[in-house]
Amino acid sequence: MAAAAPATLHELFARSAARHPDRTALEVDGRTFDYAELDRVSDRLAGRILRRTGHRPARVGLLAARSLTAYAGYLAALRLGAAAVPINPAHPPARQLAVV
Protein backbone atom coordinates (compact mmCIF):
# COMPACT_ATOMS: atom_id res chain seq x y z
CA MET A 1 0.00 0.00 0.00
CA ALA A 2 1.40 3.39 -1.01
CA ALA A 3 1.91 6.06 1.63
CA ALA A 4 -0.49 8.98 1.54
CA ALA A 5 0.86 12.16 0.00
CA PRO A 6 1.64 14.88 2.52
CA ALA A 7 -0.98 17.58 2.85
CA THR A 8 -0.43 20.79 0.93
CA LEU A 9 -0.25 24.14 2.72
CA HIS A 10 -3.71 25.01 1.41
CA GLU A 11 -5.13 21.68 2.61
CA LEU A 12 -3.74 22.36 6.08
CA PHE A 13 -5.27 25.84 6.05
CA ALA A 14 -8.65 24.46 4.85
CA ARG A 15 -8.66 21.92 7.68
CA SER A 16 -8.00 24.65 10.23
CA ALA A 17 -10.71 26.84 8.69
CA ALA A 18 -13.21 23.98 8.86
CA ARG A 19 -12.34 23.08 12.46
CA HIS A 20 -11.93 26.60 13.86
CA PRO A 21 -13.79 29.10 11.66
CA ASP A 22 -14.13 31.68 14.45
CA ARG A 23 -10.52 31.58 15.64
CA THR A 24 -8.05 34.26 14.67
CA ALA A 25 -6.13 33.31 11.55
CA LEU A 26 -4.43 36.59 10.77
CA GLU A 27 -3.54 39.86 12.46
CA VAL A 28 -2.49 42.64 10.10
CA ASP A 29 -2.70 46.43 10.17
CA GLY A 30 -4.17 46.35 13.67
CA ARG A 31 -7.09 44.14 12.60
CA THR A 32 -7.83 40.49 13.21
CA PHE A 33 -9.41 38.13 10.72
CA ASP A 34 -10.83 34.74 11.56
CA TYR A 35 -10.32 31.60 9.50
CA ALA A 36 -13.79 31.80 7.97
CA GLU A 37 -13.23 35.35 6.71
CA LEU A 38 -9.75 34.63 5.36
CA ASP A 39 -11.10 31.51 3.64
CA ARG A 40 -13.96 33.49 2.03
CA VAL A 41 -11.65 36.22 0.76
CA SER A 42 -9.15 33.74 -0.66
CA ASP A 43 -11.97 31.78 -2.33
CA ARG A 44 -13.29 34.97 -3.99
CA LEU A 45 -9.79 35.87 -5.20
CA ALA A 46 -9.27 32.38 -6.61
CA GLY A 47 -12.56 32.75 -8.51
CA ARG A 48 -11.49 36.13 -9.89
CA ILE A 49 -8.18 34.67 -11.05
CA LEU A 50 -9.97 31.82 -12.82
CA ARG A 51 -12.41 34.18 -14.51
CA ARG A 52 -9.61 36.48 -15.72
CA THR A 53 -7.29 33.73 -16.97
CA GLY A 54 -9.87 31.17 -18.07
CA HIS A 55 -7.76 28.37 -16.58
CA ARG A 56 -5.72 27.37 -13.54
CA PRO A 57 -2.45 29.30 -13.86
CA ALA A 58 0.94 27.78 -13.10
CA ARG A 59 1.90 30.88 -11.12
CA VAL A 60 0.23 33.98 -9.73
CA GLY A 61 2.10 37.25 -9.27
CA LEU A 62 1.20 39.08 -6.08
CA LEU A 63 1.91 42.80 -6.13
CA ALA A 64 0.95 43.56 -2.56
CA ALA A 65 2.38 44.59 0.77
CA ARG A 66 1.37 42.98 4.06
CA SER A 67 -2.41 43.12 3.96
CA LEU A 68 -5.48 40.91 4.06
CA THR A 69 -5.48 40.91 0.25
CA ALA A 70 -1.85 39.80 0.07
CA TYR A 71 -2.30 36.88 2.47
CA ALA A 72 -5.57 35.87 0.84
CA GLY A 73 -3.81 36.11 -2.53
CA TYR A 74 -1.22 33.58 -1.42
CA LEU A 75 -3.98 31.24 -0.28
CA ALA A 76 -5.89 31.79 -3.55
CA ALA A 77 -2.82 30.85 -5.58
CA LEU A 78 -2.28 27.74 -3.46
CA ARG A 79 -5.98 26.85 -3.72
CA LEU A 80 -5.55 26.86 -7.51
CA GLY A 81 -2.41 24.74 -7.31
CA ALA A 82 -0.29 27.65 -8.55
CA ALA A 83 2.99 29.03 -7.29
CA ALA A 84 2.65 32.39 -5.56
CA VAL A 85 5.24 34.86 -6.86
CA PRO A 86 5.70 37.85 -4.55
CA ILE A 87 6.36 41.12 -6.36
CA ASN A 88 7.67 44.06 -4.37
CA PRO A 89 5.50 47.14 -4.99
CA ALA A 90 8.52 49.34 -4.19
CA HIS A 91 10.48 47.99 -7.17
CA PRO A 92 10.40 49.79 -10.52
CA PRO A 93 7.74 48.55 -13.00
CA ALA A 94 10.37 47.01 -15.31
CA ARG A 95 11.69 44.89 -12.43
CA GLN A 96 8.15 43.87 -11.46
CA LEU A 97 7.42 42.66 -14.99
CA ALA A 98 10.73 40.77 -15.14
CA VAL A 99 9.82 38.79 -12.02
CA VAL A 100 6.62 37.40 -13.49
PDB file of N, CA and C in Angstrom:
ATOM      1  N   MET A   1       0.845  -1.170   0.000  1.00  0.00           N
ATOM      2  CA  MET A   1       0.000   0.000   0.000  1.00  0.00           C
ATOM      3  C   MET A   1       0.897   1.242   0.000  1.00  0.00           C
ATOM      4  N   ALA A   2       0.605   2.172  -0.890  1.00  0.00           N
ATOM      5  CA  ALA A   2       1.398   3.393  -1.008  1.00  0.00           C
ATOM      6  C   ALA A   2       1.079   4.339   0.144  1.00  0.00           C
ATOM      7  N   ALA A   3       2.106   5.067   0.563  1.00  0.00           N
ATOM      8  CA  ALA A   3       1.909   6.055   1.629  1.00  0.00           C
ATOM      9  C   ALA A   3       1.107   7.235   1.088  1.00  0.00           C
ATOM     10  N   ALA A   4       0.310   7.816   1.940  1.00  0.00           N
ATOM     11  CA  ALA A   4      -0.487   8.979   1.540  1.00  0.00           C
ATOM     12  C   ALA A   4       0.436  10.164   1.288  1.00  0.00           C
ATOM     13  N   ALA A   5       0.082  10.954   0.291  1.00  0.00           N
ATOM     14  CA  ALA A   5       0.865  12.157  -0.004  1.00  0.00           C
ATOM     15  C   ALA A   5       0.709  13.149   1.143  1.00  0.00           C
ATOM     16  N   PRO A   6       1.771  13.878   1.452  1.00  0.00           N
ATOM     17  CA  PRO A   6       1.636  14.885   2.521  1.00  0.00           C
ATOM     18  C   PRO A   6       0.640  15.961   2.118  1.00  0.00           C
ATOM     19  N   ALA A   7       0.012  16.534   3.114  1.00  0.00           N
ATOM     20  CA  ALA A   7      -0.976  17.583   2.853  1.00  0.00           C
ATOM     21  C   ALA A   7      -0.279  18.829   2.325  1.00  0.00           C
ATOM     22  N   THR A   8      -0.960  19.518   1.430  1.00  0.00           N
ATOM     23  CA  THR A   8      -0.432  20.792   0.930  1.00  0.00           C
ATOM     24  C   THR A   8      -0.696  21.882   1.969  1.00  0.00           C
ATOM     25  N   LEU A   9      -0.035  23.013   1.805  1.00  0.00           N
ATOM     26  CA  LEU A   9      -0.248  24.135   2.718  1.00  0.00           C
ATOM     27  C   LEU A   9      -1.706  24.578   2.684  1.00  0.00           C
ATOM     28  N   HIS A  10      -2.295  24.605   1.490  1.00  0.00           N
ATOM     29  CA  HIS A  10      -3.707  25.006   1.414  1.00  0.00           C
ATOM     30  C   HIS A  10      -4.612  23.985   2.087  1.00  0.00           C
ATOM     31  N   GLU A  11      -4.316  22.701   1.941  1.00  0.00           N
ATOM     32  CA  GLU A  11      -5.126  21.680   2.614  1.00  0.00           C
ATOM     33  C   GLU A  11      -5.057  21.842   4.135  1.00  0.00           C
ATOM     34  N   LEU A  12      -3.878  22.136   4.638  1.00  0.00           N
ATOM     35  CA  LEU A  12      -3.740  22.355   6.082  1.00  0.00           C
ATOM     36  C   LEU A  12      -4.541  23.577   6.530  1.00  0.00           C
ATOM     37  N   PHE A  13      -4.480  24.647   5.736  1.00  0.00           N
ATOM     38  CA  PHE A  13      -5.271  25.838   6.054  1.00  0.00           C
ATOM     39  C   PHE A  13      -6.766  25.497   6.026  1.00  0.00           C
ATOM     40  N   ALA A  14      -7.223  24.800   4.989  1.00  0.00           N
ATOM     41  CA  ALA A  14      -8.645  24.457   4.854  1.00  0.00           C
ATOM     42  C   ALA A  14      -9.126  23.618   6.036  1.00  0.00           C
ATOM     43  N   ARG A  15      -8.298  22.719   6.496  1.00  0.00           N
ATOM     44  CA  ARG A  15      -8.664  21.917   7.676  1.00  0.00           C
ATOM     45  C   ARG A  15      -8.835  22.807   8.907  1.00  0.00           C
ATOM     46  N   SER A  16      -7.903  23.733   9.088  1.00  0.00           N
ATOM     47  CA  SER A  16      -8.004  24.646  10.231  1.00  0.00           C
ATOM     48  C   SER A  16      -9.240  25.521  10.113  1.00  0.00           C
ATOM     49  N   ALA A  17      -9.524  25.997   8.907  1.00  0.00           N
ATOM     50  CA  ALA A  17     -10.705  26.839   8.689  1.00  0.00           C
ATOM     51  C   ALA A  17     -11.986  26.070   8.985  1.00  0.00           C
ATOM     52  N   ALA A  18     -12.016  24.798   8.618  1.00  0.00           N
ATOM     53  CA  ALA A  18     -13.215  23.980   8.865  1.00  0.00           C
ATOM     54  C   ALA A  18     -13.372  23.679  10.353  1.00  0.00           C
ATOM     55  N   ARG A  19     -12.272  23.428  11.037  1.00  0.00           N
ATOM     56  CA  ARG A  19     -12.336  23.077  12.460  1.00  0.00           C
ATOM     57  C   ARG A  19     -12.525  24.282  13.374  1.00  0.00           C
ATOM     58  N   HIS A  20     -11.945  25.423  12.978  1.00  0.00           N
ATOM     59  CA  HIS A  20     -11.928  26.597  13.864  1.00  0.00           C
ATOM     60  C   HIS A  20     -12.290  27.878  13.116  1.00  0.00           C
ATOM     61  N   PRO A  21     -13.458  27.946  12.503  1.00  0.00           N
ATOM     62  CA  PRO A  21     -13.788  29.098  11.664  1.00  0.00           C
ATOM     63  C   PRO A  21     -13.775  30.438  12.398  1.00  0.00           C
ATOM     64  N   ASP A  22     -14.046  30.428  13.703  1.00  0.00           N
ATOM     65  CA  ASP A  22     -14.132  31.681  14.454  1.00  0.00           C
ATOM     66  C   ASP A  22     -12.825  32.081  15.129  1.00  0.00           C
ATOM     67  N   ARG A  23     -11.810  31.247  15.019  1.00  0.00           N
ATOM     68  CA  ARG A  23     -10.524  31.578  15.637  1.00  0.00           C
ATOM     69  C   ARG A  23      -9.734  32.539  14.759  1.00  0.00           C
ATOM     70  N   THR A  24      -8.877  33.296  15.398  1.00  0.00           N
ATOM     71  CA  THR A  24      -8.050  34.260  14.670  1.00  0.00           C
ATOM     72  C   THR A  24      -7.053  33.525  13.788  1.00  0.00           C
ATOM     73  N   ALA A  25      -7.060  33.886  12.513  1.00  0.00           N
ATOM     74  CA  ALA A  25      -6.133  33.310  11.547  1.00  0.00           C
ATOM     75  C   ALA A  25      -5.037  34.286  11.172  1.00  0.00           C
ATOM     76  N   LEU A  26      -5.342  35.580  11.266  1.00  0.00           N
ATOM     77  CA  LEU A  26      -4.432  36.593  10.771  1.00  0.00           C
ATOM     78  C   LEU A  26      -4.623  37.891  11.540  1.00  0.00           C
ATOM     79  N   GLU A  27      -3.519  38.524  11.876  1.00  0.00           N
ATOM     80  CA  GLU A  27      -3.538  39.859  12.462  1.00  0.00           C
ATOM     81  C   GLU A  27      -2.652  40.725  11.578  1.00  0.00           C
ATOM     82  N   VAL A  28      -3.242  41.760  10.995  1.00  0.00           N
ATOM     83  CA  VAL A  28      -2.493  42.645  10.103  1.00  0.00           C
ATOM     84  C   VAL A  28      -3.105  44.038  10.151  1.00  0.00           C
ATOM     85  N   ASP A  29      -2.259  45.033  10.133  1.00  0.00           N
ATOM     86  CA  ASP A  29      -2.705  46.429  10.167  1.00  0.00           C
ATOM     87  C   ASP A  29      -3.636  46.722  11.341  1.00  0.00           C
ATOM     88  N   GLY A  30      -3.370  46.107  12.481  1.00  0.00           N
ATOM     89  CA  GLY A  30      -4.171  46.351  13.670  1.00  0.00           C
ATOM     90  C   GLY A  30      -5.536  45.688  13.666  1.00  0.00           C
ATOM     91  N   ARG A  31      -5.788  44.844  12.688  1.00  0.00           N
ATOM     92  CA  ARG A  31      -7.089  44.143  12.598  1.00  0.00           C
ATOM     93  C   ARG A  31      -6.875  42.648  12.702  1.00  0.00           C
ATOM     94  N   THR A  32      -7.878  41.946  13.164  1.00  0.00           N
ATOM     95  CA  THR A  32      -7.825  40.488  13.212  1.00  0.00           C
ATOM     96  C   THR A  32      -8.872  39.924  12.256  1.00  0.00           C
ATOM     97  N   PHE A  33      -8.516  38.816  11.656  1.00  0.00           N
ATOM     98  CA  PHE A  33      -9.407  38.130  10.715  1.00  0.00           C
ATOM     99  C   PHE A  33      -9.477  36.669  11.127  1.00  0.00           C
ATOM    100  N   ASP A  34     -10.699  36.147  11.185  1.00  0.00           N
ATOM    101  CA  ASP A  34     -10.829  34.743  11.560  1.00  0.00           C
ATOM    102  C   ASP A  34     -10.654  33.849  10.326  1.00  0.00           C
ATOM    103  N   TYR A  35     -10.547  32.554  10.590  1.00  0.00           N
ATOM    104  CA  TYR A  35     -10.322  31.598   9.504  1.00  0.00           C
ATOM    105  C   TYR A  35     -11.431  31.640   8.462  1.00  0.00           C
ATOM    106  N   ALA A  36     -12.672  31.779   8.909  1.00  0.00           N
ATOM    107  CA  ALA A  36     -13.790  31.796   7.967  1.00  0.00           C
ATOM    108  C   ALA A  36     -13.678  32.986   7.018  1.00  0.00           C
ATOM    109  N   GLU A  37     -13.344  34.162   7.550  1.00  0.00           N
ATOM    110  CA  GLU A  37     -13.233  35.352   6.708  1.00  0.00           C
ATOM    111  C   GLU A  37     -12.059  35.233   5.736  1.00  0.00           C
ATOM    112  N   LEU A  38     -10.917  34.791   6.223  1.00  0.00           N
ATOM    113  CA  LEU A  38      -9.751  34.631   5.355  1.00  0.00           C
ATOM    114  C   LEU A  38     -10.033  33.594   4.270  1.00  0.00           C
ATOM    115  N   ASP A  39     -10.733  32.535   4.625  1.00  0.00           N
ATOM    116  CA  ASP A  39     -11.096  31.511   3.640  1.00  0.00           C
ATOM    117  C   ASP A  39     -12.034  32.077   2.583  1.00  0.00           C
ATOM    118  N   ARG A  40     -13.026  32.876   2.990  1.00  0.00           N
ATOM    119  CA  ARG A  40     -13.962  33.485   2.031  1.00  0.00           C
ATOM    120  C   ARG A  40     -13.248  34.429   1.076  1.00  0.00           C
ATOM    121  N   VAL A  41     -12.365  35.262   1.607  1.00  0.00           N
ATOM    122  CA  VAL A  41     -11.653  36.219   0.763  1.00  0.00           C
ATOM    123  C   VAL A  41     -10.748  35.488  -0.219  1.00  0.00           C
ATOM    124  N   SER A  42     -10.041  34.471   0.247  1.00  0.00           N
ATOM    125  CA  SER A  42      -9.153  33.735  -0.664  1.00  0.00           C
ATOM    126  C   SER A  42      -9.956  32.979  -1.723  1.00  0.00           C
ATOM    127  N   ASP A  43     -11.129  32.474  -1.358  1.00  0.00           N
ATOM    128  CA  ASP A  43     -11.972  31.782  -2.332  1.00  0.00           C
ATOM    129  C   ASP A  43     -12.452  32.753  -3.419  1.00  0.00           C
ATOM    130  N   ARG A  44     -12.861  33.961  -3.008  1.00  0.00           N
ATOM    131  CA  ARG A  44     -13.292  34.974  -3.987  1.00  0.00           C
ATOM    132  C   ARG A  44     -12.146  35.360  -4.920  1.00  0.00           C
ATOM    133  N   LEU A  45     -10.942  35.532  -4.361  1.00  0.00           N
ATOM    134  CA  LEU A  45      -9.791  35.872  -5.196  1.00  0.00           C
ATOM    135  C   LEU A  45      -9.456  34.749  -6.170  1.00  0.00           C
ATOM    136  N   ALA A  46      -9.533  33.519  -5.716  1.00  0.00           N
ATOM    137  CA  ALA A  46      -9.271  32.381  -6.608  1.00  0.00           C
ATOM    138  C   ALA A  46     -10.274  32.382  -7.757  1.00  0.00           C
ATOM    139  N   GLY A  47     -11.538  32.669  -7.462  1.00  0.00           N
ATOM    140  CA  GLY A  47     -12.557  32.748  -8.512  1.00  0.00           C
ATOM    141  C   GLY A  47     -12.273  33.858  -9.498  1.00  0.00           C
ATOM    142  N   ARG A  48     -11.829  35.012  -8.997  1.00  0.00           N
ATOM    143  CA  ARG A  48     -11.493  36.133  -9.893  1.00  0.00           C
ATOM    144  C   ARG A  48     -10.324  35.770 -10.801  1.00  0.00           C
ATOM    145  N   ILE A  49      -9.332  35.088 -10.243  1.00  0.00           N
ATOM    146  CA  ILE A  49      -8.177  34.669 -11.052  1.00  0.00           C
ATOM    147  C   ILE A  49      -8.637  33.725 -12.157  1.00  0.00           C
ATOM    148  N   LEU A  50      -9.470  32.764 -11.818  1.00  0.00           N
ATOM    149  CA  LEU A  50      -9.970  31.819 -12.821  1.00  0.00           C
ATOM    150  C   LEU A  50     -10.773  32.518 -13.914  1.00  0.00           C
ATOM    151  N   ARG A  51     -11.616  33.466 -13.514  1.00  0.00           N
ATOM    152  CA  ARG A  51     -12.413  34.184 -14.515  1.00  0.00           C
ATOM    153  C   ARG A  51     -11.522  35.013 -15.445  1.00  0.00           C
ATOM    154  N   ARG A  52     -10.497  35.635 -14.892  1.00  0.00           N
ATOM    155  CA  ARG A  52      -9.610  36.475 -15.716  1.00  0.00           C
ATOM    156  C   ARG A  52      -8.730  35.659 -16.652  1.00  0.00           C
ATOM    157  N   THR A  53      -8.221  34.527 -16.163  1.00  0.00           N
ATOM    158  CA  THR A  53      -7.289  33.733 -16.967  1.00  0.00           C
ATOM    159  C   THR A  53      -7.997  32.681 -17.807  1.00  0.00           C
ATOM    160  N   GLY A  54      -9.151  32.224 -17.357  1.00  0.00           N
ATOM    161  CA  GLY A  54      -9.872  31.175 -18.072  1.00  0.00           C
ATOM    162  C   GLY A  54      -9.337  29.781 -17.792  1.00  0.00           C
ATOM    163  N   HIS A  55      -8.334  29.674 -16.927  1.00  0.00           N
ATOM    164  CA  HIS A  55      -7.756  28.371 -16.581  1.00  0.00           C
ATOM    165  C   HIS A  55      -6.991  28.500 -15.259  1.00  0.00           C
ATOM    166  N   ARG A  56      -6.539  27.362 -14.760  1.00  0.00           N
ATOM    167  CA  ARG A  56      -5.716  27.374 -13.544  1.00  0.00           C
ATOM    168  C   ARG A  56      -4.289  27.738 -13.937  1.00  0.00           C
ATOM    169  N   PRO A  57      -3.796  28.874 -13.479  1.00  0.00           N
ATOM    170  CA  PRO A  57      -2.452  29.296 -13.863  1.00  0.00           C
ATOM    171  C   PRO A  57      -1.371  28.491 -13.145  1.00  0.00           C
ATOM    172  N   ALA A  58      -0.197  28.451 -13.735  1.00  0.00           N
ATOM    173  CA  ALA A  58       0.936  27.779 -13.099  1.00  0.00           C
ATOM    174  C   ALA A  58       1.511  28.639 -11.978  1.00  0.00           C
ATOM    175  N   ARG A  59       1.419  29.960 -12.154  1.00  0.00           N
ATOM    176  CA  ARG A  59       1.903  30.877 -11.115  1.00  0.00           C
ATOM    177  C   ARG A  59       1.023  32.126 -11.095  1.00  0.00           C
ATOM    178  N   VAL A  60       1.011  32.764  -9.929  1.00  0.00           N
ATOM    179  CA  VAL A  60       0.228  33.977  -9.729  1.00  0.00           C
ATOM    180  C   VAL A  60       1.156  35.022  -9.120  1.00  0.00           C
ATOM    181  N   GLY A  61       1.302  36.151  -9.795  1.00  0.00           N
ATOM    182  CA  GLY A  61       2.102  37.249  -9.271  1.00  0.00           C
ATOM    183  C   GLY A  61       1.289  38.049  -8.269  1.00  0.00           C
ATOM    184  N   LEU A  62       1.887  38.336  -7.139  1.00  0.00           N
ATOM    185  CA  LEU A  62       1.202  39.080  -6.079  1.00  0.00           C
ATOM    186  C   LEU A  62       1.928  40.392  -5.824  1.00  0.00           C
ATOM    187  N   LEU A  63       1.365  41.459  -6.335  1.00  0.00           N
ATOM    188  CA  LEU A  63       1.906  42.799  -6.126  1.00  0.00           C
ATOM    189  C   LEU A  63       1.160  43.392  -4.941  1.00  0.00           C
ATOM    190  N   ALA A  64       1.660  43.116  -3.751  1.00  0.00           N
ATOM    191  CA  ALA A  64       0.952  43.559  -2.560  1.00  0.00           C
ATOM    192  C   ALA A  64       1.899  43.588  -1.371  1.00  0.00           C
ATOM    193  N   ALA A  65       1.655  44.521  -0.487  1.00  0.00           N
ATOM    194  CA  ALA A  65       2.376  44.588   0.771  1.00  0.00           C
ATOM    195  C   ALA A  65       1.602  43.766   1.797  1.00  0.00           C
ATOM    196  N   ARG A  66       2.057  43.761   3.018  1.00  0.00           N
ATOM    197  CA  ARG A  66       1.373  42.985   4.057  1.00  0.00           C
ATOM    198  C   ARG A  66      -0.029  43.534   4.264  1.00  0.00           C
ATOM    199  N   SER A  67      -1.010  42.729   3.843  1.00  0.00           N
ATOM    200  CA  SER A  67      -2.411  43.124   3.958  1.00  0.00           C
ATOM    201  C   SER A  67      -3.269  41.875   3.886  1.00  0.00           C
ATOM    202  N   LEU A  68      -4.550  42.029   4.198  1.00  0.00           N
ATOM    203  CA  LEU A  68      -5.476  40.906   4.057  1.00  0.00           C
ATOM    204  C   LEU A  68      -5.457  40.395   2.623  1.00  0.00           C
ATOM    205  N   THR A  69      -5.463  41.305   1.662  1.00  0.00           N
ATOM    206  CA  THR A  69      -5.484  40.908   0.251  1.00  0.00           C
ATOM    207  C   THR A  69      -4.239  40.108  -0.117  1.00  0.00           C
ATOM    208  N   ALA A  70      -3.084  40.514   0.389  1.00  0.00           N
ATOM    209  CA  ALA A  70      -1.847  39.799   0.074  1.00  0.00           C
ATOM    210  C   ALA A  70      -1.883  38.376   0.619  1.00  0.00           C
ATOM    211  N   TYR A  71      -2.257  38.220   1.877  1.00  0.00           N
ATOM    212  CA  TYR A  71      -2.296  36.881   2.471  1.00  0.00           C
ATOM    213  C   TYR A  71      -3.367  36.021   1.806  1.00  0.00           C
ATOM    214  N   ALA A  72      -4.513  36.603   1.527  1.00  0.00           N
ATOM    215  CA  ALA A  72      -5.573  35.868   0.838  1.00  0.00           C
ATOM    216  C   ALA A  72      -5.127  35.512  -0.582  1.00  0.00           C
ATOM    217  N   GLY A  73      -4.345  36.392  -1.203  1.00  0.00           N
ATOM    218  CA  GLY A  73      -3.815  36.107  -2.533  1.00  0.00           C
ATOM    219  C   GLY A  73      -2.911  34.892  -2.544  1.00  0.00           C
ATOM    220  N   TYR A  74      -2.054  34.779  -1.533  1.00  0.00           N
ATOM    221  CA  TYR A  74      -1.219  33.583  -1.421  1.00  0.00           C
ATOM    222  C   TYR A  74      -2.090  32.340  -1.317  1.00  0.00           C
ATOM    223  N   LEU A  75      -3.089  32.399  -0.440  1.00  0.00           N
ATOM    224  CA  LEU A  75      -3.979  31.244  -0.281  1.00  0.00           C
ATOM    225  C   LEU A  75      -4.751  30.947  -1.562  1.00  0.00           C
ATOM    226  N   ALA A  76      -5.170  31.988  -2.286  1.00  0.00           N
ATOM    227  CA  ALA A  76      -5.892  31.790  -3.549  1.00  0.00           C
ATOM    228  C   ALA A  76      -5.001  31.075  -4.559  1.00  0.00           C
ATOM    229  N   ALA A  77      -3.751  31.503  -4.660  1.00  0.00           N
ATOM    230  CA  ALA A  77      -2.819  30.849  -5.581  1.00  0.00           C
ATOM    231  C   ALA A  77      -2.648  29.383  -5.202  1.00  0.00           C
ATOM    232  N   LEU A  78      -2.452  29.124  -3.917  1.00  0.00           N
ATOM    233  CA  LEU A  78      -2.282  27.744  -3.460  1.00  0.00           C
ATOM    234  C   LEU A  78      -3.544  26.927  -3.685  1.00  0.00           C
ATOM    235  N   ARG A  79      -4.697  27.531  -3.480  1.00  0.00           N
ATOM    236  CA  ARG A  79      -5.980  26.854  -3.719  1.00  0.00           C
ATOM    237  C   ARG A  79      -6.078  26.388  -5.164  1.00  0.00           C
ATOM    238  N   LEU A  80      -5.518  27.189  -6.078  1.00  0.00           N
ATOM    239  CA  LEU A  80      -5.554  26.862  -7.507  1.00  0.00           C
ATOM    240  C   LEU A  80      -4.423  25.929  -7.926  1.00  0.00           C
ATOM    241  N   GLY A  81      -3.539  25.597  -6.985  1.00  0.00           N
ATOM    242  CA  GLY A  81      -2.409  24.741  -7.314  1.00  0.00           C
ATOM    243  C   GLY A  81      -1.288  25.488  -8.011  1.00  0.00           C
ATOM    244  N   ALA A  82      -1.287  26.803  -7.892  1.00  0.00           N
ATOM    245  CA  ALA A  82      -0.287  27.649  -8.549  1.00  0.00           C
ATOM    246  C   ALA A  82       0.803  28.048  -7.561  1.00  0.00           C
ATOM    247  N   ALA A  83       1.926  28.451  -8.110  1.00  0.00           N
ATOM    248  CA  ALA A  83       2.988  29.034  -7.293  1.00  0.00           C
ATOM    249  C   ALA A  83       2.665  30.505  -7.077  1.00  0.00           C
ATOM    250  N   ALA A  84       2.847  30.980  -5.868  1.00  0.00           N
ATOM    251  CA  ALA A  84       2.652  32.389  -5.562  1.00  0.00           C
ATOM    252  C   ALA A  84       3.993  33.095  -5.725  1.00  0.00           C
ATOM    253  N   VAL A  85       4.010  34.120  -6.581  1.00  0.00           N
ATOM    254  CA  VAL A  85       5.240  34.860  -6.857  1.00  0.00           C
ATOM    255  C   VAL A  85       5.103  36.261  -6.261  1.00  0.00           C
ATOM    256  N   PRO A  86       5.803  36.520  -5.140  1.00  0.00           N
ATOM    257  CA  PRO A  86       5.698  37.854  -4.546  1.00  0.00           C
ATOM    258  C   PRO A  86       6.427  38.888  -5.395  1.00  0.00           C
ATOM    259  N   ILE A  87       5.783  40.026  -5.583  1.00  0.00           N
ATOM    260  CA  ILE A  87       6.358  41.119  -6.361  1.00  0.00           C
ATOM    261  C   ILE A  87       6.362  42.348  -5.461  1.00  0.00           C
ATOM    262  N   ASN A  88       7.520  42.921  -5.266  1.00  0.00           N
ATOM    263  CA  ASN A  88       7.670  44.057  -4.366  1.00  0.00           C
ATOM    264  C   ASN A  88       7.099  45.317  -5.008  1.00  0.00           C
ATOM    265  N   PRO A  89       6.077  45.933  -4.405  1.00  0.00           N
ATOM    266  CA  PRO A  89       5.495  47.144  -4.987  1.00  0.00           C
ATOM    267  C   PRO A  89       6.469  48.324  -5.009  1.00  0.00           C
ATOM    268  N   ALA A  90       7.542  48.247  -4.221  1.00  0.00           N
ATOM    269  CA  ALA A  90       8.519  49.341  -4.191  1.00  0.00           C
ATOM    270  C   ALA A  90       9.503  49.267  -5.359  1.00  0.00           C
ATOM    271  N   HIS A  91       9.562  48.126  -6.035  1.00  0.00           N
ATOM    272  CA  HIS A  91      10.481  47.987  -7.165  1.00  0.00           C
ATOM    273  C   HIS A  91       9.947  48.717  -8.391  1.00  0.00           C
ATOM    274  N   PRO A  92      10.843  49.130  -9.292  1.00  0.00           N
ATOM    275  CA  PRO A  92      10.395  49.791 -10.524  1.00  0.00           C
ATOM    276  C   PRO A  92       9.541  48.846 -11.375  1.00  0.00           C
ATOM    277  N   PRO A  93       8.625  49.383 -12.169  1.00  0.00           N
ATOM    278  CA  PRO A  93       7.740  48.554 -12.995  1.00  0.00           C
ATOM    279  C   PRO A  93       8.487  47.548 -13.888  1.00  0.00           C
ATOM    280  N   ALA A  94       9.623  47.944 -14.451  1.00  0.00           N
ATOM    281  CA  ALA A  94      10.371  47.014 -15.312  1.00  0.00           C
ATOM    282  C   ALA A  94      10.832  45.790 -14.521  1.00  0.00           C
ATOM    283  N   ARG A  95      11.256  46.007 -13.290  1.00  0.00           N
ATOM    284  CA  ARG A  95      11.685  44.890 -12.426  1.00  0.00           C
ATOM    285  C   ARG A  95      10.490  44.022 -12.073  1.00  0.00           C
ATOM    286  N   GLN A  96       9.352  44.638 -11.791  1.00  0.00           N
ATOM    287  CA  GLN A  96       8.146  43.872 -11.455  1.00  0.00           C
ATOM    288  C   GLN A  96       7.751  42.959 -12.607  1.00  0.00           C
ATOM    289  N   LEU A  97       7.784  43.475 -13.816  1.00  0.00           N
ATOM    290  CA  LEU A  97       7.421  42.661 -14.986  1.00  0.00           C
ATOM    291  C   LEU A  97       8.424  41.544 -15.221  1.00  0.00           C
ATOM    292  N   ALA A  98       9.692  41.786 -14.932  1.00  0.00           N
ATOM    293  CA  ALA A  98      10.731  40.771 -15.139  1.00  0.00           C
ATOM    294  C   ALA A  98      10.551  39.590 -14.187  1.00  0.00           C
ATOM    295  N   VAL A  99      10.003  39.836 -13.014  1.00  0.00           N
ATOM    296  CA  VAL A  99       9.821  38.793 -12.024  1.00  0.00           C
ATOM    297  C   VAL A  99       8.772  37.780 -12.470  1.00  0.00           C
ATOM    298  N   VAL A 100       7.713  38.277 -13.070  1.00  0.00           N
ATOM    299  CA  VAL A 100       6.624  37.399 -13.493  1.00  0.00           C
ATOM    300  C   VAL A 100       6.998  36.759 -14.801  1.00  0.00           C
TER     301      VAL A 100
END
